[in-house]
All heavy atoms as atom14 arrays in JSON, in Angstrom:
{
  "sequence": "SGYTYNSYSMAWFRQAPGKEREGVAAINSRSSAIYADSVKGRFTISK",
  "atom14_mask": [
    [1, 1, 1, 1, 1, 1, 0, 0, 0, 0, 0, 0, 0, 0],
    [1, 1, 1, 1, 0, 0, 0, 0, 0, 0, 0, 0, 0, 0],
    [1, 1, 1, 1, 1, 1, 1, 1, 1, 1, 1, 1, 0, 0],
    [1, 1, 1, 1, 1, 1, 1, 0, 0, 0, 0, 0, 0, 0],
    [1, 1, 1, 1, 1, 1, 1, 1, 1, 1, 1, 1, 0, 0],
    [1, 1, 1, 1, 1, 1, 1, 1, 0, 0, 0, 0, 0, 0],
    [1, 1, 1, 1, 1, 1, 0, 0, 0, 0, 0, 0, 0, 0],
    [1, 1, 1, 1, 1, 1, 1, 1, 1, 1, 1, 1, 0, 0],
    [1, 1, 1, 1, 1, 1, 0, 0, 0, 0, 0, 0, 0, 0],
    [1, 1, 1, 1, 1, 1, 1, 1, 0, 0, 0, 0, 0, 0],
    [1, 1, 1, 1, 1, 0, 0, 0, 0, 0, 0, 0, 0, 0],
    [1, 1, 1, 1, 1, 1, 1, 1, 1, 1, 1, 1, 1, 1],
    [1, 1, 1, 1, 1, 1, 1, 1, 1, 1, 1, 0, 0, 0],
    [1, 1, 1, 1, 1, 1, 1, 1, 1, 1, 1, 0, 0, 0],
    [1, 1, 1, 1, 1, 1, 1, 1, 1, 0, 0, 0, 0, 0],
    [1, 1, 1, 1, 1, 0, 0, 0, 0, 0, 0, 0, 0, 0],
    [1, 1, 1, 1, 1, 1, 1, 0, 0, 0, 0, 0, 0, 0],
    [1, 1, 1, 1, 0, 0, 0, 0, 0, 0, 0, 0, 0, 0],
    [1, 1, 1, 1, 1, 1, 1, 1, 1, 0, 0, 0, 0, 0],
    [1, 1, 1, 1, 1, 1, 1, 1, 1, 0, 0, 0, 0, 0],
    [1, 1, 1, 1, 1, 1, 1, 1, 1, 1, 1, 0, 0, 0],
    [1, 1, 1, 1, 1, 1, 1, 1, 1, 0, 0, 0, 0, 0],
    [1, 1, 1, 1, 0, 0, 0, 0, 0, 0, 0, 0, 0, 0],
    [1, 1, 1, 1, 1, 1, 1, 0, 0, 0, 0, 0, 0, 0],
    [1, 1, 1, 1, 1, 0, 0, 0, 0, 0, 0, 0, 0, 0],
    [1, 1, 1, 1, 1, 0, 0, 0, 0, 0, 0, 0, 0, 0],
    [1, 1, 1, 1, 1, 1, 1, 1, 0, 0, 0, 0, 0, 0],
    [1, 1, 1, 1, 1, 1, 1, 1, 0, 0, 0, 0, 0, 0],
    [1, 1, 1, 1, 1, 1, 0, 0, 0, 0, 0, 0, 0, 0],
    [1, 1, 1, 1, 1, 1, 1, 1, 1, 1, 1, 0, 0, 0],
    [1, 1, 1, 1, 1, 1, 0, 0, 0, 0, 0, 0, 0, 0],
    [1, 1, 1, 1, 1, 1, 0, 0, 0, 0, 0, 0, 0, 0],
    [1, 1, 1, 1, 1, 0, 0, 0, 0, 0, 0, 0, 0, 0],
    [1, 1, 1, 1, 1, 1, 1, 1, 0, 0, 0, 0, 0, 0],
    [1, 1, 1, 1, 1, 1, 1, 1, 1, 1, 1, 1, 0, 0],
    [1, 1, 1, 1, 1, 0, 0, 0, 0, 0, 0, 0, 0, 0],
    [1, 1, 1, 1, 1, 1, 1, 1, 0, 0, 0, 0, 0, 0],
    [1, 1, 1, 1, 1, 1, 0, 0, 0, 0, 0, 0, 0, 0],
    [1, 1, 1, 1, 1, 1, 1, 0, 0, 0, 0, 0, 0, 0],
    [1, 1, 1, 1, 1, 1, 1, 1, 1, 0, 0, 0, 0, 0],
    [1, 1, 1, 1, 0, 0, 0, 0, 0, 0, 0, 0, 0, 0],
    [1, 1, 1, 1, 1, 1, 1, 1, 1, 1, 1, 0, 0, 0],
    [1, 1, 1, 1, 1, 1, 1, 1, 1, 1, 1, 0, 0, 0],
    [1, 1, 1, 1, 1, 1, 1, 0, 0, 0, 0, 0, 0, 0],
    [1, 1, 1, 1, 1, 1, 1, 1, 0, 0, 0, 0, 0, 0],
    [1, 1, 1, 1, 1, 1, 0, 0, 0, 0, 0, 0, 0, 0],
    [1, 1, 1, 1, 1, 1, 1, 1, 1, 0, 0, 0, 0, 0]
  ],
  "atom14_positions": [
    [[56.35, -91.29, 22.21], [56.71, -90.17, 23.08], [57.85, -89.33, 22.53], [58.79, -88.99, 23.25], [57.07, -90.68, 24.48], [56.01, -91.4, 25.06], [0.0, 0.0, 0.0], [0.0, 0.0, 0.0], [0.0, 0.0, 0.0], [0.0, 0.0, 0.0], [0.0, 0.0, 0.0], [0.0, 0.0, 0.0], [0.0, 0.0, 0.0], [0.0, 0.0, 0.0]],
    [[57.76, -88.97, 21.26], [58.73, -88.08, 20.67], [59.91, -88.76, 20.0], [60.66, -88.1, 19.28], [0.0, 0.0, 0.0], [0.0, 0.0, 0.0], [0.0, 0.0, 0.0], [0.0, 0.0, 0.0], [0.0, 0.0, 0.0], [0.0, 0.0, 0.0], [0.0, 0.0, 0.0], [0.0, 0.0, 0.0], [0.0, 0.0, 0.0], [0.0, 0.0, 0.0]],
    [[60.09, -90.02, 20.21], [61.15, -90.77, 19.55], [60.66, -91.31, 18.22], [59.47, -91.59, 18.05], [61.62, -91.94, 20.43], [62.33, -91.51, 21.68], [61.6, -91.21, 22.83], [63.71, -91.39, 21.72], [62.25, -90.81, 23.99], [64.36, -91.0, 22.87], [63.62, -90.7, 24.01], [64.27, -90.31, 25.16], [0.0, 0.0, 0.0], [0.0, 0.0, 0.0]],
    [[61.58, -91.47, 17.29], [61.25, -91.99, 15.97], [61.55, -93.48, 15.93], [62.69, -93.9, 16.16], [62.04, -91.27, 14.88], [61.72, -89.88, 14.91], [61.69, -91.83, 13.51], [0.0, 0.0, 0.0], [0.0, 0.0, 0.0], [0.0, 0.0, 0.0], [0.0, 0.0, 0.0], [0.0, 0.0, 0.0], [0.0, 0.0, 0.0], [0.0, 0.0, 0.0]],
    [[60.53, -94.26, 15.62], [60.68, -95.72, 15.58], [60.35, -96.29, 14.22], [60.1, -97.49, 14.1], [59.79, -96.36, 16.65], [60.29, -96.13, 18.05], [59.75, -95.13, 18.84], [61.31, -96.91, 18.57], [60.22, -94.9, 20.13], [61.78, -96.69, 19.85], [61.24, -95.69, 20.63], [61.7, -95.48, 21.9], [0.0, 0.0, 0.0], [0.0, 0.0, 0.0]],
    [[60.35, -95.47, 13.19], [59.98, -95.94, 11.86], [60.89, -97.05, 11.35], [60.44, -97.92, 10.61], [59.98, -94.78, 10.87], [58.91, -93.76, 11.16], [58.03, -93.97, 11.99], [58.98, -92.64, 10.46], [0.0, 0.0, 0.0], [0.0, 0.0, 0.0], [0.0, 0.0, 0.0], [0.0, 0.0, 0.0], [0.0, 0.0, 0.0], [0.0, 0.0, 0.0]],
    [[62.15, -97.01, 11.72], [63.11, -98.0, 11.25], [63.23, -99.21, 12.17], [63.97, -100.14, 11.86], [64.49, -97.37, 11.08], [64.98, -96.89, 12.33], [0.0, 0.0, 0.0], [0.0, 0.0, 0.0], [0.0, 0.0, 0.0], [0.0, 0.0, 0.0], [0.0, 0.0, 0.0], [0.0, 0.0, 0.0], [0.0, 0.0, 0.0], [0.0, 0.0, 0.0]],
    [[62.51, -99.21, 13.27], [62.54, -100.31, 14.23], [61.44, -101.32, 13.97], [60.42, -101.01, 13.36], [62.37, -99.79, 15.65], [63.58, -99.12, 16.25], [63.62, -97.74, 16.37], [64.65, -99.87, 16.71], [64.72, -97.11, 16.94], [65.75, -99.25, 17.28], [65.78, -97.88, 17.4], [66.87, -97.26, 17.97], [0.0, 0.0, 0.0], [0.0, 0.0, 0.0]],
    [[61.67, -102.52, 14.46], [60.57, -103.46, 14.65], [59.91, -103.13, 15.98], [60.58, -102.69, 16.92], [61.08, -104.89, 14.64], [61.57, -105.25, 13.38], [0.0, 0.0, 0.0], [0.0, 0.0, 0.0], [0.0, 0.0, 0.0], [0.0, 0.0, 0.0], [0.0, 0.0, 0.0], [0.0, 0.0, 0.0], [0.0, 0.0, 0.0], [0.0, 0.0, 0.0]],
    [[58.62, -103.36, 16.06], [57.89, -103.12, 17.29], [57.05, -104.35, 17.61], [56.69, -105.11, 16.72], [57.01, -101.88, 17.18], [57.8, -100.62, 16.85], [56.83, -99.1, 16.95], [56.66, -98.95, 18.75], [0.0, 0.0, 0.0], [0.0, 0.0, 0.0], [0.0, 0.0, 0.0], [0.0, 0.0, 0.0], [0.0, 0.0, 0.0], [0.0, 0.0, 0.0]],
    [[56.75, -104.52, 18.88], [56.07, -105.74, 19.3], [55.21, -105.49, 20.52], [55.4, -104.52, 21.26], [57.1, -106.84, 19.59], [0.0, 0.0, 0.0], [0.0, 0.0, 0.0], [0.0, 0.0, 0.0], [0.0, 0.0, 0.0], [0.0, 0.0, 0.0], [0.0, 0.0, 0.0], [0.0, 0.0, 0.0], [0.0, 0.0, 0.0], [0.0, 0.0, 0.0]],
    [[54.28, -106.4, 20.71], [53.46, -106.45, 21.92], [53.77, -107.73, 22.68], [53.84, -108.81, 22.08], [51.96, -106.42, 21.59], [51.47, -105.1, 21.1], [51.29, -104.72, 19.82], [51.08, -103.99, 21.91], [50.81, -103.43, 19.77], [50.68, -102.96, 21.04], [51.04, -103.76, 23.29], [50.23, -101.72, 21.5], [50.6, -102.53, 23.74], [50.21, -101.53, 22.86]],
    [[53.97, -107.59, 23.98], [54.15, -108.71, 24.88], [53.08, -108.65, 25.96], [52.46, -107.62, 26.17], [55.54, -108.68, 25.52], [56.66, -109.0, 24.57], [57.12, -108.06, 23.67], [57.25, -110.26, 24.58], [58.15, -108.36, 22.79], [58.28, -110.57, 23.71], [58.73, -109.62, 22.82], [0.0, 0.0, 0.0], [0.0, 0.0, 0.0], [0.0, 0.0, 0.0]],
    [[52.89, -109.76, 26.65], [51.96, -109.77, 27.76], [52.48, -110.69, 28.86], [53.22, -111.63, 28.61], [50.56, -110.21, 27.32], [50.46, -111.64, 26.84], [49.06, -111.92, 26.3], [48.89, -113.28, 25.86], [47.8, -113.75, 25.26], [46.77, -112.92, 25.02], [47.73, -115.02, 24.9], [0.0, 0.0, 0.0], [0.0, 0.0, 0.0], [0.0, 0.0, 0.0]],
    [[52.06, -110.39, 30.08], [52.46, -111.2, 31.21], [51.32, -111.29, 32.21], [50.83, -110.27, 32.69], [53.7, -110.62, 31.9], [54.26, -111.51, 32.99], [55.63, -111.06, 33.45], [56.01, -109.9, 33.31], [56.39, -111.99, 34.0], [0.0, 0.0, 0.0], [0.0, 0.0, 0.0], [0.0, 0.0, 0.0], [0.0, 0.0, 0.0], [0.0, 0.0, 0.0]],
    [[50.9, -112.5, 32.49], [49.87, -112.76, 33.47], [50.52, -113.18, 34.79], [51.65, -113.68, 34.79], [48.93, -113.86, 32.98], [0.0, 0.0, 0.0], [0.0, 0.0, 0.0], [0.0, 0.0, 0.0], [0.0, 0.0, 0.0], [0.0, 0.0, 0.0], [0.0, 0.0, 0.0], [0.0, 0.0, 0.0], [0.0, 0.0, 0.0], [0.0, 0.0, 0.0]],
    [[49.83, -112.98, 35.92], [50.4, -113.39, 37.2], [50.78, -114.87, 37.2], [50.0, -115.72, 36.78], [49.26, -113.11, 38.19], [48.48, -112.02, 37.55], [48.53, -112.32, 36.08], [0.0, 0.0, 0.0], [0.0, 0.0, 0.0], [0.0, 0.0, 0.0], [0.0, 0.0, 0.0], [0.0, 0.0, 0.0], [0.0, 0.0, 0.0], [0.0, 0.0, 0.0]],
    [[51.98, -115.16, 37.65], [52.45, -116.53, 37.72], [52.89, -117.11, 36.4], [53.17, -118.31, 36.32], [0.0, 0.0, 0.0], [0.0, 0.0, 0.0], [0.0, 0.0, 0.0], [0.0, 0.0, 0.0], [0.0, 0.0, 0.0], [0.0, 0.0, 0.0], [0.0, 0.0, 0.0], [0.0, 0.0, 0.0], [0.0, 0.0, 0.0], [0.0, 0.0, 0.0]],
    [[52.96, -116.3, 35.37], [53.35, -116.77, 34.05], [54.47, -115.9, 33.49], [54.56, -114.72, 33.83], [52.15, -116.74, 33.1], [52.33, -117.53, 31.82], [51.06, -117.52, 30.98], [51.19, -118.41, 29.76], [52.28, -117.98, 28.87], [0.0, 0.0, 0.0], [0.0, 0.0, 0.0], [0.0, 0.0, 0.0], [0.0, 0.0, 0.0], [0.0, 0.0, 0.0]],
    [[55.31, -116.48, 32.66], [56.39, -115.72, 32.04], [55.84, -114.79, 30.97], [54.78, -115.02, 30.39], [57.42, -116.67, 31.43], [58.17, -117.52, 32.43], [59.23, -118.38, 31.78], [59.38, -118.33, 30.54], [59.91, -119.1, 32.51], [0.0, 0.0, 0.0], [0.0, 0.0, 0.0], [0.0, 0.0, 0.0], [0.0, 0.0, 0.0], [0.0, 0.0, 0.0]],
    [[56.59, -113.72, 30.73], [56.22, -112.8, 29.67], [56.31, -113.5, 28.32], [57.26, -114.23, 28.05], [57.15, -111.59, 29.69], [56.82, -110.53, 28.66], [57.59, -109.24, 28.93], [59.02, -109.47, 28.97], [59.9, -108.54, 29.34], [59.48, -107.33, 29.71], [61.19, -108.83, 29.34], [0.0, 0.0, 0.0], [0.0, 0.0, 0.0], [0.0, 0.0, 0.0]],
    [[55.31, -113.29, 27.47], [55.28, -113.95, 26.18], [55.03, -112.93, 25.07], [54.33, -111.95, 25.25], [54.19, -115.02, 26.14], [52.78, -114.49, 26.32], [51.72, -115.56, 26.14], [52.03, -116.65, 25.62], [50.56, -115.3, 26.53], [0.0, 0.0, 0.0], [0.0, 0.0, 0.0], [0.0, 0.0, 0.0], [0.0, 0.0, 0.0], [0.0, 0.0, 0.0]],
    [[55.62, -113.2, 23.93], [55.4, -112.37, 22.77], [54.03, -112.61, 22.17], [53.6, -113.76, 22.05], [0.0, 0.0, 0.0], [0.0, 0.0, 0.0], [0.0, 0.0, 0.0], [0.0, 0.0, 0.0], [0.0, 0.0, 0.0], [0.0, 0.0, 0.0], [0.0, 0.0, 0.0], [0.0, 0.0, 0.0], [0.0, 0.0, 0.0], [0.0, 0.0, 0.0]],
    [[53.35, -111.55, 21.79], [52.02, -111.63, 21.22], [52.05, -111.39, 19.71], [51.51, -112.17, 18.93], [51.07, -110.63, 21.89], [49.7, -110.63, 21.21], [50.94, -110.94, 23.37], [0.0, 0.0, 0.0], [0.0, 0.0, 0.0], [0.0, 0.0, 0.0], [0.0, 0.0, 0.0], [0.0, 0.0, 0.0], [0.0, 0.0, 0.0], [0.0, 0.0, 0.0]],
    [[52.67, -110.29, 19.3], [52.73, -109.93, 17.89], [53.88, -108.96, 17.68], [54.28, -108.24, 18.59], [51.42, -109.29, 17.44], [0.0, 0.0, 0.0], [0.0, 0.0, 0.0], [0.0, 0.0, 0.0], [0.0, 0.0, 0.0], [0.0, 0.0, 0.0], [0.0, 0.0, 0.0], [0.0, 0.0, 0.0], [0.0, 0.0, 0.0], [0.0, 0.0, 0.0]],
    [[54.42, -108.94, 16.47], [55.5, -108.03, 16.12], [55.32, -107.55, 14.7], [54.74, -108.25, 13.86], [56.86, -108.72, 16.28], [0.0, 0.0, 0.0], [0.0, 0.0, 0.0], [0.0, 0.0, 0.0], [0.0, 0.0, 0.0], [0.0, 0.0, 0.0], [0.0, 0.0, 0.0], [0.0, 0.0, 0.0], [0.0, 0.0, 0.0], [0.0, 0.0, 0.0]],
    [[55.84, -106.35, 14.42], [55.75, -105.77, 13.09], [57.07, -105.07, 12.8], [57.63, -104.39, 13.66], [54.54, -104.81, 12.99], [54.36, -104.32, 11.56], [54.68, -103.65, 13.96], [53.01, -103.63, 11.35], [0.0, 0.0, 0.0], [0.0, 0.0, 0.0], [0.0, 0.0, 0.0], [0.0, 0.0, 0.0], [0.0, 0.0, 0.0], [0.0, 0.0, 0.0]],
    [[57.59, -105.23, 11.58], [58.86, -104.63, 11.24], [58.67, -103.35, 10.44], [57.55, -102.89, 10.22], [59.78, -105.63, 10.53], [59.29, -106.01, 9.14], [58.36, -105.43, 8.59], [59.94, -107.02, 8.56], [0.0, 0.0, 0.0], [0.0, 0.0, 0.0], [0.0, 0.0, 0.0], [0.0, 0.0, 0.0], [0.0, 0.0, 0.0], [0.0, 0.0, 0.0]],
    [[59.79, -102.77, 10.0], [59.74, -101.49, 9.31], [59.04, -101.58, 7.96], [58.61, -100.55, 7.43], [61.16, -100.94, 9.12], [61.95, -101.82, 8.34], [0.0, 0.0, 0.0], [0.0, 0.0, 0.0], [0.0, 0.0, 0.0], [0.0, 0.0, 0.0], [0.0, 0.0, 0.0], [0.0, 0.0, 0.0], [0.0, 0.0, 0.0], [0.0, 0.0, 0.0]],
    [[58.93, -102.77, 7.41], [58.22, -102.98, 6.15], [56.78, -103.41, 6.36], [56.09, -103.77, 5.41], [58.96, -104.02, 5.31], [60.38, -103.62, 4.94], [61.13, -104.75, 4.27], [60.51, -105.16, 3.02], [60.92, -106.19, 2.28], [61.97, -106.9, 2.66], [60.29, -106.48, 1.15], [0.0, 0.0, 0.0], [0.0, 0.0, 0.0], [0.0, 0.0, 0.0]],
    [[56.33, -103.39, 7.6], [54.96, -103.74, 7.99], [54.64, -105.22, 7.83], [53.47, -105.59, 7.74], [53.94, -102.89, 7.22], [54.07, -101.52, 7.57], [0.0, 0.0, 0.0], [0.0, 0.0, 0.0], [0.0, 0.0, 0.0], [0.0, 0.0, 0.0], [0.0, 0.0, 0.0], [0.0, 0.0, 0.0], [0.0, 0.0, 0.0], [0.0, 0.0, 0.0]],
    [[55.67, -106.06, 7.79], [55.44, -107.49, 7.89], [55.16, -107.82, 9.35], [55.79, -107.26, 10.24], [56.64, -108.28, 7.39], [56.86, -108.06, 6.01], [0.0, 0.0, 0.0], [0.0, 0.0, 0.0], [0.0, 0.0, 0.0], [0.0, 0.0, 0.0], [0.0, 0.0, 0.0], [0.0, 0.0, 0.0], [0.0, 0.0, 0.0], [0.0, 0.0, 0.0]],
    [[54.24, -108.73, 9.6], [53.81, -109.03, 10.95], [53.9, -110.51, 11.26], [53.74, -111.36, 10.38], [52.37, -108.55, 11.18], [0.0, 0.0, 0.0], [0.0, 0.0, 0.0], [0.0, 0.0, 0.0], [0.0, 0.0, 0.0], [0.0, 0.0, 0.0], [0.0, 0.0, 0.0], [0.0, 0.0, 0.0], [0.0, 0.0, 0.0], [0.0, 0.0, 0.0]],
    [[54.15, -110.82, 12.52], [54.13, -112.19, 13.01], [53.29, -112.22, 14.28], [53.21, -111.23, 15.01], [55.55, -112.75, 13.28], [56.35, -111.81, 14.2], [56.29, -112.96, 11.98], [57.71, -112.33, 14.59], [0.0, 0.0, 0.0], [0.0, 0.0, 0.0], [0.0, 0.0, 0.0], [0.0, 0.0, 0.0], [0.0, 0.0, 0.0], [0.0, 0.0, 0.0]],
    [[52.68, -113.38, 14.54], [51.78, -113.52, 15.67], [52.04, -114.82, 16.41], [52.43, -115.82, 15.82], [50.32, -113.52, 15.21], [49.88, -112.25, 14.55], [49.99, -112.08, 13.18], [49.34, -111.21, 15.3], [49.58, -110.91, 12.57], [48.94, -110.04, 14.69], [49.05, -109.89, 13.33], [48.64, -108.72, 12.73], [0.0, 0.0, 0.0], [0.0, 0.0, 0.0]],
    [[51.78, -114.79, 17.71], [51.76, -116.01, 18.48], [50.56, -116.85, 18.04], [49.51, -116.32, 17.67], [51.67, -115.7, 19.97], [0.0, 0.0, 0.0], [0.0, 0.0, 0.0], [0.0, 0.0, 0.0], [0.0, 0.0, 0.0], [0.0, 0.0, 0.0], [0.0, 0.0, 0.0], [0.0, 0.0, 0.0], [0.0, 0.0, 0.0], [0.0, 0.0, 0.0]],
    [[50.72, -118.17, 18.09], [49.63, -119.05, 17.68], [48.36, -118.8, 18.49], [47.25, -118.94, 17.96], [50.06, -120.51, 17.82], [51.07, -120.93, 16.77], [51.19, -120.24, 15.74], [51.74, -121.96, 16.98], [0.0, 0.0, 0.0], [0.0, 0.0, 0.0], [0.0, 0.0, 0.0], [0.0, 0.0, 0.0], [0.0, 0.0, 0.0], [0.0, 0.0, 0.0]],
    [[48.51, -118.43, 19.74], [47.36, -118.25, 20.61], [46.48, -117.07, 20.23], [45.32, -117.01, 20.64], [47.82, -118.11, 22.06], [48.67, -116.98, 22.21], [0.0, 0.0, 0.0], [0.0, 0.0, 0.0], [0.0, 0.0, 0.0], [0.0, 0.0, 0.0], [0.0, 0.0, 0.0], [0.0, 0.0, 0.0], [0.0, 0.0, 0.0], [0.0, 0.0, 0.0]],
    [[47.0, -116.13, 19.45], [46.23, -114.95, 19.08], [46.02, -114.82, 17.59], [45.29, -113.92, 17.15], [46.88, -113.66, 19.62], [47.14, -113.76, 21.11], [48.17, -113.35, 18.86], [0.0, 0.0, 0.0], [0.0, 0.0, 0.0], [0.0, 0.0, 0.0], [0.0, 0.0, 0.0], [0.0, 0.0, 0.0], [0.0, 0.0, 0.0], [0.0, 0.0, 0.0]],
    [[46.61, -115.7, 16.82], [46.51, -115.62, 15.36], [45.05, -115.72, 14.92], [44.31, -116.6, 15.36], [47.34, -116.74, 14.73], [47.66, -116.55, 13.26], [48.67, -117.6, 12.78], [49.99, -117.49, 13.53], [50.98, -118.5, 13.06], [0.0, 0.0, 0.0], [0.0, 0.0, 0.0], [0.0, 0.0, 0.0], [0.0, 0.0, 0.0], [0.0, 0.0, 0.0]],
    [[44.64, -114.8, 14.07], [43.27, -114.75, 13.62], [42.36, -113.91, 14.47], [41.24, -113.59, 14.06], [0.0, 0.0, 0.0], [0.0, 0.0, 0.0], [0.0, 0.0, 0.0], [0.0, 0.0, 0.0], [0.0, 0.0, 0.0], [0.0, 0.0, 0.0], [0.0, 0.0, 0.0], [0.0, 0.0, 0.0], [0.0, 0.0, 0.0], [0.0, 0.0, 0.0]],
    [[42.82, -113.53, 15.67], [42.01, -112.71, 16.57], [42.61, -111.32, 16.78], [41.87, -110.35, 16.93], [41.86, -113.38, 17.94], [41.18, -114.73, 17.88], [40.88, -115.25, 19.29], [42.1, -115.44, 20.07], [42.38, -114.84, 21.23], [41.5, -113.98, 21.75], [43.5, -115.1, 21.88], [0.0, 0.0, 0.0], [0.0, 0.0, 0.0], [0.0, 0.0, 0.0]],
    [[43.94, -111.23, 16.81], [44.63, -109.97, 17.05], [45.26, -109.47, 15.77], [45.71, -110.26, 14.93], [45.73, -110.14, 18.1], [45.25, -110.4, 19.5], [43.92, -110.68, 19.78], [46.16, -110.37, 20.55], [43.49, -110.94, 21.07], [45.74, -110.62, 21.85], [44.41, -110.9, 22.11], [0.0, 0.0, 0.0], [0.0, 0.0, 0.0], [0.0, 0.0, 0.0]],
    [[45.35, -108.15, 15.62], [46.01, -107.53, 14.49], [46.92, -106.42, 14.97], [46.47, -105.51, 15.69], [45.0, -106.96, 13.48], [44.12, -107.99, 13.03], [45.72, -106.37, 12.28], [0.0, 0.0, 0.0], [0.0, 0.0, 0.0], [0.0, 0.0, 0.0], [0.0, 0.0, 0.0], [0.0, 0.0, 0.0], [0.0, 0.0, 0.0], [0.0, 0.0, 0.0]],
    [[48.19, -106.48, 14.6], [49.14, -105.45, 14.94], [49.29, -104.5, 13.75], [49.3, -104.93, 12.6], [50.5, -106.05, 15.35], [51.43, -104.96, 15.9], [51.15, -106.79, 14.19], [52.71, -105.52, 16.53], [0.0, 0.0, 0.0], [0.0, 0.0, 0.0], [0.0, 0.0, 0.0], [0.0, 0.0, 0.0], [0.0, 0.0, 0.0], [0.0, 0.0, 0.0]],
    [[49.38, -103.22, 14.03], [49.55, -102.22, 12.98], [50.28, -101.02, 13.55], [50.46, -100.91, 14.77], [48.21, -101.81, 12.38], [47.38, -101.2, 13.35], [0.0, 0.0, 0.0], [0.0, 0.0, 0.0], [0.0, 0.0, 0.0], [0.0, 0.0, 0.0], [0.0, 0.0, 0.0], [0.0, 0.0, 0.0], [0.0, 0.0, 0.0], [0.0, 0.0, 0.0]],
    [[50.7, -100.11, 12.69], [51.38, -98.92, 13.15], [51.09, -97.75, 12.25], [50.76, -97.91, 11.07], [52.89, -99.16, 13.24], [53.55, -99.51, 11.92], [55.05, -99.71, 12.09], [55.71, -100.06, 10.76], [57.17, -100.2, 10.92], [0.0, 0.0, 0.0], [0.0, 0.0, 0.0], [0.0, 0.0, 0.0], [0.0, 0.0, 0.0], [0.0, 0.0, 0.0]]
  ]
}
């Protein structure tokens, strides 16, 4: 939305009813990525 995030790390989180918010995937400014074990191999984060 008009802000520059090229130098930031970015991530996806999710929260289901009755459950705590959990990290899904993250990507840093160098495009290195990390994933939660529950989604590894199924989800891909990119920017």
